[in-house]
Amino acid sequence: MSVKKTLFDKVWDSHVVHQIENGPDVLFIDRHMVHEVTSPVAFLGLKSRNIRVMHPEKTFATADHNTPTINQHLPVEDPLSANQLKMLEENANEYGISYWGLGHEKNGIVHVVGPEYGITQPGATIVCGDSHTSTHGAFGAIAFGIGTSEVEMVLATQCIMQPKPKSMRINITGELQYGVTPKDVALFIISQLSTSGATGYFVEYAGDVFKQMTMEGRMTVCNLSIEMGARGGMIAPDETTFHYVKGREFTPKGAAWDKAMDYWQTLYTDEGATFDKELTFDGSLIEPMITYGTNPGMGMGISKDIPNASSLSGGASSYKKSLQYMQFDEGDSMIGKPIDFVFLGSCTNGRIEDFRAFASIIKGRKKADNVTAWLVPGSHKVEDAIKEEGILDILTEAGFELREPGCSACLAMNDDKVPAGKLAVSTSNRNFEGRQGPGSRTLLASPLVAAAAAVTGKVTDPRTLMEETVATS
């Protein structure tokens, strides 16, 4: 009788080059994504040992973290950013790696452009020197972030040594409520598990809610896997996946497509396969989410009040310290809290569907005077779609401006920094102290919640605006 395998087992086991007794597996890597922050030292390591990149055709470089999101045609002013961007270009050219720098039509956030161009494919192993590489697991791939020394290892050998993680399946059944997005689903899961609840596991997401999601929604969920401590997350490929992938630049064509499909259609968890841990949630109980603290696990339904420390497990002192940093109190309602900044973008929510959702709220309304809004597409493809679909006209009429592609205000490594003390509703992935700028305060939320805040100037349940729109249409 054949052994019943999980999706994760099937992909992992098929890529093991060598098993080290009482040690890690040597895993072959199909795709290596590179950006300007974690690669310079890795390339220096290659040069010091006079080693070439083993498979430059499997390596793809794009500039994203340090890129400005206005005036990209001008020289980058920040000297550190400019140097890192220059080093990436020089290293890519020296080692024969595809390089999509500023001004290149394919430039954008690494975890946005990978899927857009078909570099990301079902059943692949994908790594990048970036924790949110888990995004690519939406395609049924094993994708995870790696450190600088591991970047060097993959460049040199196209392999990596990794202990095999434990497996977890998270099932979400039923149907989502009106106004609940994939971002809300992910924030809900993290709020239930905490930021360490999936440590040591690779997660498979299953159930009706994920089956009904678009590929962009699935990418958002898998992107946030790392925020609950997981090594990565994945969703079994299906017709939605195959339809998205087909015809993209780097995907197989003709007979090669048919051969690939023969394999991809085997990528599912066998009936009867076991997981080390399994959880199930009712999707109908999820509402639009918002965070209130200084880690992604400190989140709640937007209509709820901030919990009291006594109702939570963990350290009361650190909890209160987090609320003090955020300038909130136990028992506060988040609804009505005035905000200063709104950020739409990042590898979590910088895709065209996110801009469509944002536009659906602001259409016919005006940006609040007290709000500074940074709307940053994840790539030039997204930027082009925003213009072609008339979304730019909606943004402009409402008083918003569209910026150029990049990681932007997801992290304080470029010019888009939230000032100290200011409160931002952000569609990005982390709300740590100072993540979006020294002293900045971040509320993680969906594009719908961000849009509602942008036009009201305060934390607002987007469902109230959605109902108004329906009533007047």
Protein backbone atom coordinates (compact mmCIF):
# COMPACT_ATOMS: atom_id res chain seq x y z
CA MET A 1 0.00 0.00 0.00
CA SER A 2 1.38 3.41 -0.95
CA VAL A 3 2.26 5.90 1.78
CA LYS A 4 -0.24 8.74 2.19
CA LYS A 5 1.54 12.06 1.81
CA THR A 6 0.71 15.67 2.48
CA LEU A 7 1.20 18.29 -0.23
CA PHE A 8 4.22 19.55 1.68
CA ASP A 9 5.76 16.07 1.87
CA LYS A 10 5.32 15.52 -1.87
CA VAL A 11 7.13 18.71 -2.83
CA TRP A 12 9.83 18.51 -0.14
CA ASP A 13 10.68 14.84 -0.68
CA SER A 14 10.96 15.27 -4.46
CA HIS A 15 13.65 17.94 -3.95
CA VAL A 16 15.87 16.16 -1.42
CA VAL A 17 19.30 15.68 -2.95
CA HIS A 18 20.85 14.08 0.13
CA GLN A 19 19.73 13.21 3.65
CA ILE A 20 22.32 13.83 6.34
CA GLU A 21 22.03 11.28 9.12
CA ASN A 22 20.75 13.00 12.27
CA GLY A 23 21.02 16.28 10.40
CA PRO A 24 19.31 18.48 7.83
CA ASP A 25 18.27 17.58 4.30
CA VAL A 26 20.12 18.96 1.31
CA LEU A 27 17.31 20.49 -0.74
CA PHE A 28 17.50 21.48 -4.42
CA ILE A 29 16.15 24.96 -5.12
CA ASP A 30 14.23 25.63 -8.35
CA ARG A 31 14.03 29.43 -8.10
CA HIS A 32 16.20 31.90 -6.24
CA MET A 33 14.89 35.45 -5.94
CA VAL A 34 17.45 38.13 -5.06
CA HIS A 35 17.12 41.76 -3.99
CA GLU A 36 19.50 44.52 -2.94
CA VAL A 37 19.42 44.17 0.85
CA THR A 38 20.53 40.62 1.64
CA SER A 39 22.64 39.84 -1.43
CA PRO A 40 25.75 42.11 -1.33
CA VAL A 41 27.58 40.15 1.37
CA ALA A 42 26.61 36.85 -0.29
CA PHE A 43 28.17 37.95 -3.56
CA LEU A 44 31.28 39.11 -1.70
CA GLY A 45 31.54 35.59 -0.31
CA LEU A 46 31.49 34.15 -3.83
CA LYS A 47 34.20 36.55 -4.96
CA SER A 48 36.43 35.79 -1.99
CA ARG A 49 36.30 32.10 -2.87
CA ASN A 50 36.40 32.65 -6.64
CA ILE A 51 33.10 30.80 -7.14
CA ARG A 52 30.57 31.41 -9.90
CA VAL A 53 26.79 31.28 -9.59
CA MET A 54 25.91 27.67 -10.41
CA HIS A 55 22.57 28.33 -12.11
CA PRO A 56 22.19 32.00 -13.09
CA GLU A 57 19.16 31.05 -15.22
CA LYS A 58 17.34 30.02 -12.02
CA THR A 59 18.23 33.26 -10.26
CA PHE A 60 16.24 36.49 -10.61
CA ALA A 61 17.15 39.90 -9.17
CA THR A 62 14.94 42.92 -8.65
CA ALA A 63 15.33 46.15 -6.70
CA ASP A 64 12.55 46.90 -4.22
CA HIS A 65 13.39 47.57 -0.55
CA ASN A 66 15.54 50.68 -0.97
CA THR A 67 13.83 52.14 -4.01
CA PRO A 68 12.16 55.55 -3.81
CA THR A 69 8.53 55.66 -4.89
CA ILE A 70 8.65 59.10 -6.48
CA ASN A 71 11.03 60.42 -9.15
CA GLN A 72 12.56 57.04 -9.86
CA HIS A 73 14.11 58.52 -12.99
CA LEU A 74 16.40 60.63 -10.80
CA PRO A 75 19.52 59.41 -8.93
CA VAL A 76 18.73 57.88 -5.53
CA GLU A 77 19.62 60.46 -2.89
CA ASP A 78 20.25 58.22 0.13
CA PRO A 79 23.89 57.04 -0.18
CA LEU A 80 23.35 53.64 1.50
CA SER A 81 20.35 52.84 -0.68
CA ALA A 82 22.13 54.04 -3.80
CA ASN A 83 25.14 51.85 -3.01
CA GLN A 84 23.06 48.73 -2.39
CA LEU A 85 21.15 49.25 -5.64
CA LYS A 86 24.41 49.77 -7.52
CA MET A 87 25.96 46.63 -6.02
CA LEU A 88 22.94 44.52 -7.03
CA GLU A 89 23.17 45.73 -10.61
CA GLU A 90 26.92 45.13 -10.79
CA ASN A 91 26.67 41.65 -9.25
CA ALA A 92 23.78 40.63 -11.51
CA ASN A 93 25.70 41.74 -14.58
CA GLU A 94 28.94 40.04 -13.47
CA TYR A 95 27.24 36.70 -12.80
CA GLY A 96 24.79 36.70 -15.70
CA ILE A 97 21.63 37.02 -13.59
CA SER A 98 18.41 38.57 -14.86
CA TYR A 99 18.22 42.01 -13.28
CA TRP A 100 15.15 44.22 -13.08
CA GLY A 101 16.32 47.50 -11.60
CA LEU A 102 14.76 50.93 -11.37
CA GLY A 103 13.30 51.94 -14.72
CA HIS A 104 13.01 48.35 -15.97
CA GLU A 105 9.49 47.46 -17.09
CA LYS A 106 9.57 44.30 -14.94
CA ASN A 107 10.78 46.05 -11.80
CA GLY A 108 8.73 45.72 -8.65
CA ILE A 109 8.49 43.99 -5.29
CA VAL A 110 10.16 40.60 -5.53
CA HIS A 111 7.09 38.69 -4.27
CA VAL A 112 4.80 40.51 -6.70
CA VAL A 113 6.82 40.23 -9.91
CA GLY A 114 7.72 36.56 -9.34
CA PRO A 115 4.13 35.36 -9.77
CA GLU A 116 3.33 37.99 -12.41
CA TYR A 117 5.94 36.65 -14.80
CA GLY A 118 5.41 32.97 -14.09
CA ILE A 119 8.69 32.48 -12.23
CA THR A 120 6.57 31.12 -9.39
CA GLN A 121 5.12 27.72 -10.30
CA PRO A 122 3.35 24.85 -8.53
CA GLY A 123 5.56 22.21 -6.95
CA ALA A 124 8.67 24.38 -7.01
CA THR A 125 11.10 25.18 -4.23
CA ILE A 126 11.65 28.93 -3.98
CA VAL A 127 13.91 30.92 -1.67
CA CYS A 128 14.83 34.56 -1.21
CA GLY A 129 16.69 36.54 1.42
CA ASP A 130 13.37 37.89 2.66
CA SER A 131 11.02 36.40 5.25
CA HIS A 132 7.87 37.00 3.18
CA THR A 133 9.01 34.57 0.50
CA SER A 134 6.21 32.45 1.96
CA THR A 135 3.95 34.41 -0.45
CA HIS A 136 4.81 32.03 -3.30
CA GLY A 137 3.37 29.08 -1.38
CA ALA A 138 -0.03 30.18 -2.69
CA PHE A 139 0.86 28.22 -5.85
CA GLY A 140 1.53 24.94 -4.08
CA ALA A 141 5.24 25.72 -3.88
CA ILE A 142 7.57 25.37 -0.92
CA ALA A 143 8.81 28.91 -0.45
CA PHE A 144 10.69 30.38 2.49
CA GLY A 145 13.06 33.15 3.45
CA ILE A 146 16.76 32.57 4.03
CA GLY A 147 19.68 34.43 5.59
CA THR A 148 22.68 35.98 3.87
CA SER A 149 24.97 32.97 4.33
CA GLU A 150 22.24 30.77 2.88
CA VAL A 151 21.85 33.14 -0.08
CA GLU A 152 25.53 32.54 -0.78
CA MET A 153 25.03 28.78 -0.43
CA VAL A 154 22.21 28.74 -2.97
CA LEU A 155 24.08 30.98 -5.41
CA ALA A 156 27.06 28.63 -5.24
CA THR A 157 25.34 25.23 -5.20
CA GLN A 158 21.63 25.71 -6.06
CA CYS A 159 20.98 23.75 -2.86
CA ILE A 160 20.36 24.55 0.76
CA MET A 161 20.64 22.53 3.97
CA GLN A 162 17.41 22.60 5.95
CA PRO A 163 15.84 20.46 8.67
CA LYS A 164 12.43 19.29 7.52
CA PRO A 165 9.74 21.26 9.38
CA LYS A 166 6.72 19.70 11.03
CA SER A 167 3.40 19.94 9.19
CA MET A 168 0.25 21.80 10.16
CA ARG A 169 -3.07 22.12 8.36
CA ILE A 170 -5.38 25.06 9.01
CA ASN A 171 -8.90 24.53 7.73
CA ILE A 172 -11.37 27.39 7.39
CA THR A 173 -14.87 26.29 6.55
CA GLY A 174 -18.05 28.10 5.51
CA GLU A 175 -18.33 31.47 3.80
CA LEU A 176 -16.87 34.84 4.67
CA GLN A 177 -19.04 37.75 5.72
CA TYR A 178 -19.60 40.80 3.55
CA GLY A 179 -16.53 43.03 3.63
CA VAL A 180 -14.13 40.34 4.89
CA THR A 181 -10.99 39.95 2.77
CA PRO A 182 -8.10 37.45 2.64
CA LYS A 183 -6.07 39.92 4.75
CA ASP A 184 -8.71 39.67 7.46
CA VAL A 185 -8.58 35.87 7.29
CA ALA A 186 -4.81 35.92 7.79
CA LEU A 187 -4.94 38.44 10.65
CA PHE A 188 -7.69 36.38 12.27
CA ILE A 189 -5.58 33.21 12.16
CA ILE A 190 -2.57 35.02 13.64
CA SER A 191 -4.73 36.49 16.40
CA GLN A 192 -5.85 32.97 17.29
CA LEU A 193 -2.41 31.33 17.15
CA SER A 194 -0.22 34.27 18.27
CA THR A 195 3.03 35.23 16.58
CA SER A 196 4.68 32.00 17.73
CA GLY A 197 1.82 29.54 17.39
CA ALA A 198 3.11 27.94 14.21
CA THR A 199 6.83 27.99 15.03
CA GLY A 200 8.56 24.94 13.60
CA TYR A 201 5.73 24.15 11.18
CA PHE A 202 5.05 24.46 7.49
CA VAL A 203 1.34 25.26 7.12
CA GLU A 204 -1.12 24.05 4.51
CA TYR A 205 -4.28 26.15 4.25
CA ALA A 206 -7.35 24.15 3.30
CA GLY A 207 -11.15 24.41 3.27
CA ASP A 208 -13.88 26.19 1.37
CA VAL A 209 -12.68 29.70 2.19
CA PHE A 210 -9.30 29.17 0.52
CA LYS A 211 -10.77 27.28 -2.43
CA GLN A 212 -12.96 30.30 -3.16
CA MET A 213 -10.10 32.79 -2.96
CA THR A 214 -8.41 34.28 -6.00
CA MET A 215 -4.69 33.72 -6.45
CA GLU A 216 -3.98 37.23 -5.20
CA GLY A 217 -5.98 36.54 -2.06
CA ARG A 218 -4.12 33.29 -1.52
CA MET A 219 -0.82 35.13 -1.88
CA THR A 220 -1.86 37.55 0.86
CA VAL A 221 -2.64 34.68 3.24
CA CYS A 222 0.58 32.79 2.53
CA ASN A 223 2.56 36.02 2.79
CA LEU A 224 1.50 36.39 6.42
CA SER A 225 2.34 32.80 7.41
CA ILE A 226 5.69 33.95 8.75
CA GLU A 227 3.91 36.32 11.15
CA MET A 228 2.63 33.40 13.23
CA GLY A 229 6.08 31.85 13.33
CA ALA A 230 5.59 29.34 10.49
CA ARG A 231 8.46 28.45 8.17
CA GLY A 232 6.05 28.95 5.31
CA GLY A 233 2.53 28.36 4.07
CA MET A 234 1.04 26.73 1.01
CA ILE A 235 -2.25 26.05 -0.74
CA ALA A 236 -2.85 23.10 -3.08
CA PRO A 237 -2.91 24.19 -6.73
CA ASP A 238 -6.23 23.89 -8.57
CA GLU A 239 -7.92 25.26 -11.68
CA THR A 240 -7.68 28.78 -10.25
CA THR A 241 -3.91 28.32 -9.97
CA PHE A 242 -3.46 26.80 -13.42
CA HIS A 243 -5.55 29.52 -15.07
CA TYR A 244 -3.43 32.22 -13.39
CA VAL A 245 -0.11 30.63 -14.32
CA LYS A 246 -0.84 29.69 -17.94
CA GLY A 247 0.68 31.86 -20.63
CA ARG A 248 3.00 33.89 -18.42
CA GLU A 249 6.50 34.59 -19.66
CA PHE A 250 8.45 31.98 -17.69
CA THR A 251 5.84 29.22 -17.58
CA PRO A 252 6.12 26.10 -19.77
CA LYS A 253 4.59 26.23 -23.24
CA GLY A 254 3.16 23.59 -25.58
CA ALA A 255 4.16 20.01 -24.77
CA ALA A 256 6.16 21.24 -21.78
CA TRP A 257 2.96 22.73 -20.36
CA ASP A 258 1.15 19.41 -20.72
CA LYS A 259 4.01 17.63 -18.97
CA ALA A 260 4.02 20.17 -16.18
CA MET A 261 0.28 19.83 -15.73
CA ASP A 262 0.63 16.06 -15.39
CA TYR A 263 2.81 16.73 -12.35
CA TRP A 264 0.96 19.75 -10.95
CA GLN A 265 -2.33 17.86 -10.85
CA THR A 266 -0.79 15.38 -8.38
CA LEU A 267 -0.02 18.17 -5.91
CA TYR A 268 -2.62 17.73 -3.21
CA THR A 269 -2.71 16.12 0.21
CA ASP A 270 -3.68 12.45 -0.05
CA GLU A 271 -6.84 11.36 1.70
CA GLY A 272 -5.75 9.88 5.00
CA ALA A 273 -2.41 11.71 5.21
CA THR A 274 -1.64 12.95 8.70
CA PHE A 275 -0.36 16.28 9.98
CA ASP A 276 1.57 16.97 13.14
CA LYS A 277 -1.10 19.51 14.04
CA GLU A 278 -4.49 20.41 12.59
CA LEU A 279 -6.83 23.32 13.35
CA THR A 280 -10.27 24.26 12.04
CA PHE A 281 -12.08 27.62 12.16
CA ASP A 282 -15.50 28.81 11.02
CA GLY A 283 -14.99 31.47 8.36
CA SER A 284 -18.40 33.01 8.94
CA LEU A 285 -17.23 34.21 12.37
CA ILE A 286 -14.47 36.40 10.93
CA GLU A 287 -15.09 40.14 10.57
CA PRO A 288 -12.86 42.92 9.23
CA MET A 289 -9.74 42.88 11.41
CA ILE A 290 -7.42 45.53 12.80
CA THR A 291 -4.36 45.33 15.04
CA TYR A 292 -4.02 47.43 18.18
CA GLY A 293 -0.58 46.48 19.50
CA THR A 294 3.02 46.02 18.41
CA ASN A 295 2.94 42.58 16.80
CA PRO A 296 0.62 41.06 14.18
CA GLY A 297 -0.92 38.71 16.76
CA MET A 298 -2.41 41.64 18.64
CA GLY A 299 -5.42 41.90 16.37
CA MET A 300 -9.19 41.78 16.74
CA GLY A 301 -12.43 42.27 14.88
CA ILE A 302 -12.84 45.96 14.15
CA SER A 303 -16.08 46.18 16.13
CA LYS A 304 -14.47 44.76 19.28
CA ASP A 305 -12.76 46.55 22.18
CA ILE A 306 -9.08 46.18 23.06
CA PRO A 307 -8.82 43.22 25.46
CA ASN A 308 -7.84 43.58 29.10
CA ALA A 309 -4.51 42.05 30.06
CA SER A 310 -6.26 39.81 32.58
CA SER A 311 -8.19 38.09 29.77
CA LEU A 312 -5.04 37.10 27.88
CA SER A 313 -2.32 34.56 28.47
CA GLY A 314 1.21 35.92 28.57
CA GLY A 315 2.97 38.77 30.32
CA ALA A 316 0.70 41.58 31.47
CA SER A 317 3.61 44.02 31.76
CA SER A 318 4.75 43.57 28.15
CA TYR A 319 1.12 43.82 27.00
CA LYS A 320 0.63 47.10 28.80
CA LYS A 321 3.97 48.37 27.50
CA SER A 322 2.77 47.65 23.97
CA LEU A 323 -0.46 49.58 24.52
CA GLN A 324 1.50 52.44 26.06
CA TYR A 325 3.65 52.64 22.94
CA MET A 326 0.50 52.68 20.80
CA GLN A 327 -1.08 55.29 23.10
CA PHE A 328 -4.12 53.06 23.66
CA ASP A 329 -5.84 51.74 26.77
CA GLU A 330 -7.41 48.41 27.66
CA GLY A 331 -11.09 48.42 26.80
CA ASP A 332 -10.75 51.09 24.11
CA SER A 333 -12.79 50.82 20.95
CA MET A 334 -10.69 51.18 17.83
CA ILE A 335 -13.61 52.69 15.93
CA GLY A 336 -13.25 56.45 15.75
CA LYS A 337 -9.56 56.72 16.61
CA PRO A 338 -8.10 59.54 14.48
CA ILE A 339 -5.34 58.48 12.11
CA ASP A 340 -2.58 60.36 10.29
CA PHE A 341 -1.31 58.08 7.51
CA VAL A 342 -2.70 55.39 5.23
CA PHE A 343 -0.43 53.01 3.34
CA LEU A 344 -1.75 50.79 0.56
CA GLY A 345 0.93 48.52 -0.87
CA SER A 346 3.70 46.02 0.03
CA CYS A 347 4.13 42.36 -0.91
CA THR A 348 1.04 41.70 1.20
CA ASN A 349 -1.44 44.04 -0.45
CA GLY A 350 0.19 45.80 -3.40
CA ARG A 351 -1.61 43.90 -6.18
CA ILE A 352 -4.32 45.04 -8.56
CA GLU A 353 -7.15 43.42 -6.56
CA ASP A 354 -6.08 45.45 -3.54
CA PHE A 355 -6.34 48.69 -5.52
CA ARG A 356 -9.72 47.63 -6.87
CA ALA A 357 -10.93 47.07 -3.30
CA PHE A 358 -9.54 50.42 -2.14
CA ALA A 359 -11.17 52.20 -5.08
CA SER A 360 -14.54 50.59 -4.36
CA ILE A 361 -14.65 52.43 -1.03
CA ILE A 362 -13.29 55.84 -2.03
CA LYS A 363 -15.25 56.19 -5.27
CA GLY A 364 -17.47 59.23 -4.97
CA ARG A 365 -15.79 60.31 -1.72
CA LYS A 366 -12.84 62.58 -0.84
CA LYS A 367 -9.61 61.96 1.05
CA ALA A 368 -9.79 63.29 4.60
CA ASP A 369 -7.77 66.47 5.09
CA ASN A 370 -5.90 65.08 8.10
CA VAL A 371 -4.65 61.99 6.22
CA THR A 372 -1.43 61.55 4.27
CA ALA A 373 -1.91 58.61 1.89
CA TRP A 374 0.81 56.59 0.20
CA LEU A 375 -0.68 54.37 -2.51
CA VAL A 376 2.13 52.24 -3.91
CA PRO A 377 1.66 49.53 -6.56
CA GLY A 378 3.72 46.38 -6.18
CA SER A 379 4.97 46.46 -9.77
CA HIS A 380 4.72 48.25 -13.09
CA LYS A 381 2.18 45.65 -14.20
CA VAL A 382 -0.03 46.70 -11.29
CA GLU A 383 0.60 50.37 -12.06
CA ASP A 384 -0.41 49.84 -15.69
CA ALA A 385 -3.58 47.98 -14.70
CA ILE A 386 -4.54 50.79 -12.30
CA LYS A 387 -4.42 53.21 -15.22
CA GLU A 388 -6.05 50.92 -17.77
CA GLU A 389 -8.99 50.04 -15.50
CA GLY A 390 -9.78 53.66 -14.67
CA ILE A 391 -8.77 53.25 -11.02
CA LEU A 392 -6.29 56.11 -11.30
CA ASP A 393 -9.14 58.42 -12.31
CA ILE A 394 -11.09 57.39 -9.19
CA LEU A 395 -8.03 57.95 -6.99
CA THR A 396 -7.28 61.36 -8.52
CA GLU A 397 -10.88 62.56 -8.27
CA ALA A 398 -10.92 61.60 -4.59
CA GLY A 399 -7.71 63.57 -3.92
CA PHE A 400 -5.19 60.73 -3.86
CA GLU A 401 -1.90 60.39 -5.72
CA LEU A 402 -0.37 57.19 -7.08
CA ARG A 403 3.29 56.55 -6.36
CA GLU A 404 5.79 54.35 -8.22
CA PRO A 405 6.44 50.64 -7.43
CA GLY A 406 8.47 49.54 -4.42
CA CYS A 407 8.29 48.25 -0.86
CA SER A 408 7.71 51.83 0.32
CA ALA A 409 6.33 52.32 3.84
CA CYS A 410 6.29 48.63 4.72
CA LEU A 411 9.63 49.21 6.42
CA ALA A 412 11.81 52.18 7.20
CA MET A 413 14.52 51.46 4.60
CA ASN A 414 13.56 54.15 2.09
CA ASP A 415 12.17 57.67 2.07
CA ASP A 416 8.59 56.67 2.92
CA LYS A 417 8.79 56.83 6.73
CA VAL A 418 5.89 57.53 9.08
CA PRO A 419 6.98 60.27 11.55
CA ALA A 420 7.33 59.55 15.27
CA GLY A 421 4.05 59.42 17.14
CA LYS A 422 1.92 59.39 14.02
CA LEU A 423 -0.68 56.64 13.55
CA ALA A 424 -0.83 54.75 10.26
CA VAL A 425 -3.41 52.31 8.95
CA SER A 426 -1.23 50.02 6.87
CA THR A 427 -1.93 47.11 4.54
CA SER A 428 1.59 45.78 5.10
CA ASN A 429 2.62 42.83 7.25
CA ARG A 430 4.34 44.04 10.42
CA ASN A 431 3.46 46.55 13.13
CA PHE A 432 6.57 46.27 15.32
CA GLU A 433 7.78 49.37 17.16
CA GLY A 434 9.42 51.65 14.61
CA ARG A 435 8.75 49.30 11.69
CA GLN A 436 7.43 52.12 9.50
CA GLY A 437 9.72 54.77 10.95
CA PRO A 438 11.28 55.51 14.36
CA GLY A 439 8.47 56.04 16.86
CA SER A 440 5.74 55.39 14.31
CA ARG A 441 2.55 53.54 15.28
CA THR A 442 1.01 51.00 12.91
CA LEU A 443 -2.45 49.44 12.61
CA LEU A 444 -2.43 46.48 10.23
CA ALA A 445 -5.60 46.16 8.18
CA SER A 446 -7.10 45.24 4.82
CA PRO A 447 -7.37 47.57 1.80
CA LEU A 448 -11.06 48.09 2.64
CA VAL A 449 -10.30 49.20 6.20
CA ALA A 450 -7.45 51.39 4.91
CA ALA A 451 -9.75 53.05 2.38
CA ALA A 452 -12.43 53.69 4.98
CA ALA A 453 -9.86 55.35 7.23
CA ALA A 454 -8.48 57.39 4.33
CA VAL A 455 -11.81 59.06 3.57
CA THR A 456 -13.07 59.46 7.15
CA GLY A 457 -9.80 60.36 8.84
CA LYS A 458 -10.38 57.79 11.56
CA VAL A 459 -10.65 54.06 12.09
CA THR A 460 -13.94 53.10 10.45
CA ASP A 461 -15.71 49.82 9.82
CA PRO A 462 -15.69 49.63 6.00
CA ARG A 463 -19.02 47.83 6.01
CA THR A 464 -20.77 51.05 7.03
CA LEU A 465 -19.42 52.81 3.92
CA MET A 466 -20.14 49.80 1.72
CA GLU A 467 -23.74 49.85 2.90
CA GLU A 468 -23.99 53.58 2.16
CA THR A 469 -22.69 52.96 -1.35
CA VAL A 470 -25.27 50.23 -1.97
CA ALA A 471 -28.06 52.41 -0.56
CA THR A 472 -27.27 55.31 -2.88
CA SER A 473 -26.60 53.27 -6.02
